C-alpha atoms as a PDB file:
ATOM      1  CA  MET A   1      99.349 124.605 100.251  1.00  0.00           C
ATOM      2  CA  ALA A   2      96.968 122.056  98.982  1.00  0.00           C
ATOM      3  CA  VAL A   3      94.427 123.273 101.669  1.00  0.00           C
ATOM      4  CA  ALA A   4      94.784 126.409 100.099  1.00  0.00           C
ATOM      5  CA  HIS A   5      94.509 125.172  96.159  1.00  0.00           C
ATOM      6  CA  ARG A   6      91.136 123.452  96.991  1.00  0.00           C
ATOM      7  CA  ILE A   7      89.808 126.639  98.587  1.00  0.00           C
ATOM      8  CA  VAL A   8      90.469 128.466  95.538  1.00  0.00           C
ATOM      9  CA  VAL A   9      89.044 125.847  93.013  1.00  0.00           C
ATOM     10  CA  ILE A  10      85.971 125.708  95.630  1.00  0.00           C
ATOM     11  CA  LEU A  11      85.606 129.631  95.390  1.00  0.00           C
ATOM     12  CA  TYR A  12      86.379 129.657  91.514  1.00  0.00           C
ATOM     13  CA  CYS A  13      83.177 127.095  91.129  1.00  0.00           C
ATOM     14  CA  MET A  14      81.153 128.967  93.212  1.00  0.00           C
ATOM     15  CA  LEU A  15      81.613 132.136  91.353  1.00  0.00           C
ATOM     16  CA  LYS A  16      81.470 130.387  87.945  1.00  0.00           C
ATOM     17  CA  LYS A  17      78.170 128.591  88.374  1.00  0.00           C
ATOM     18  CA  ASP A  18      76.951 131.580  90.706  1.00  0.00           C
ATOM     19  CA  GLU A  19      75.831 129.017  93.485  1.00  0.00           C
ATOM     20  CA  PRO A  20      76.307 129.023  97.133  1.00  0.00           C
ATOM     21  CA  TYR A  21      78.759 126.166  98.664  1.00  0.00           C
ATOM     22  CA  GLN A  22      77.636 122.579  99.309  1.00  0.00           C
ATOM     23  CA  GLU A  23      78.844 120.274 101.725  1.00  0.00           C
ATOM     24  CA  TYR A  24      78.564 116.959  99.636  1.00  0.00           C
ATOM     25  CA  GLY A  25      78.915 114.957 102.964  1.00  0.00           C
ATOM     26  CA  GLU A  26      81.491 111.910 103.307  1.00  0.00           C
ATOM     27  CA  GLN A  27      79.885 109.558 101.953  1.00  0.00           C
ATOM     28  CA  ILE A  28      79.590 110.978  98.349  1.00  0.00           C
ATOM     29  CA  VAL A  29      83.259 111.959  98.680  1.00  0.00           C
ATOM     30  CA  GLU A  30      84.092 108.472  99.665  1.00  0.00           C
ATOM     31  CA  GLU A  31      82.451 107.123  96.262  1.00  0.00           C
ATOM     32  CA  ARG A  32      84.166 109.811  94.238  1.00  0.00           C
ATOM     33  CA  LEU A  33      87.724 108.597  95.189  1.00  0.00           C
ATOM     34  CA  GLN A  34      86.537 105.256  95.082  1.00  0.00           C
ATOM     35  CA  GLU A  35      85.977 105.833  91.337  1.00  0.00           C
ATOM     36  CA  ALA A  36      89.084 107.899  90.873  1.00  0.00           C
ATOM     37  CA  ARG A  37      90.821 104.802  92.092  1.00  0.00           C
ATOM     38  CA  LYS A  38      89.134 102.619  89.664  1.00  0.00           C
ATOM     39  CA  GLN A  39      89.947 104.494  87.073  1.00  0.00           C
ATOM     40  CA  ARG A  40      93.501 105.246  87.803  1.00  0.00           C
ATOM     41  CA  ALA A  41      93.780 101.540  87.998  1.00  0.00           C
ATOM     42  CA  VAL A  42      92.300 100.874  84.399  1.00  0.00           C
ATOM     43  CA  ARG A  43      94.559 103.524  83.119  1.00  0.00           C
ATOM     44  CA  GLU A  44      97.554 101.879  84.428  1.00  0.00           C
ATOM     45  CA  LEU A  45      96.482  98.125  83.415  1.00  0.00           C
ATOM     46  CA  GLU A  46      95.664  99.531  79.862  1.00  0.00           C
ATOM     47  CA  LYS A  47      99.111 101.653  79.437  1.00  0.00           C
ATOM     48  CA  GLN A  48     100.459  97.636  80.280  1.00  0.00           C
ATOM     49  CA  GLY A  49      98.683  96.262  77.572  1.00  0.00           C
ATOM     50  CA  TYR A  50      95.533  94.889  79.021  1.00  0.00           C
ATOM     51  CA  THR A  51      92.267  95.563  77.910  1.00  0.00           C
ATOM     52  CA  ILE A  52      89.694  96.099  80.641  1.00  0.00           C
ATOM     53  CA  SER A  53      85.934  95.591  80.863  1.00  0.00           C
ATOM     54  CA  LEU A  54      84.293  97.070  83.862  1.00  0.00           C
ATOM     55  CA  GLY A  55      80.993  95.698  85.280  1.00  0.00           C
ATOM     56  CA  GLU A  56      78.903  95.184  88.128  1.00  0.00           C
ATOM     57  CA  SER A  57      80.316  92.685  90.749  1.00  0.00           C
ATOM     58  CA  ILE A  58      78.252  89.389  91.916  1.00  0.00           C
ATOM     59  CA  SER A  59      78.087  89.107  95.293  1.00  0.00           C
ATOM     60  CA  ALA A  60      77.148  85.725  96.976  1.00  0.00           C
END
């Protein structure tokens, strides 16, 4: 059922934008998933009363 829903969403977007389907690739999909996870974590912490400020991480 989830696959069918995803296909319908893709078709809807293609028709709405009048653009052909474009495969984004695994890297972009992973980046979007990581960003979504980050946003969910921030929302969850904010629900618990924390103030969150995201910034760039510094690696040694």
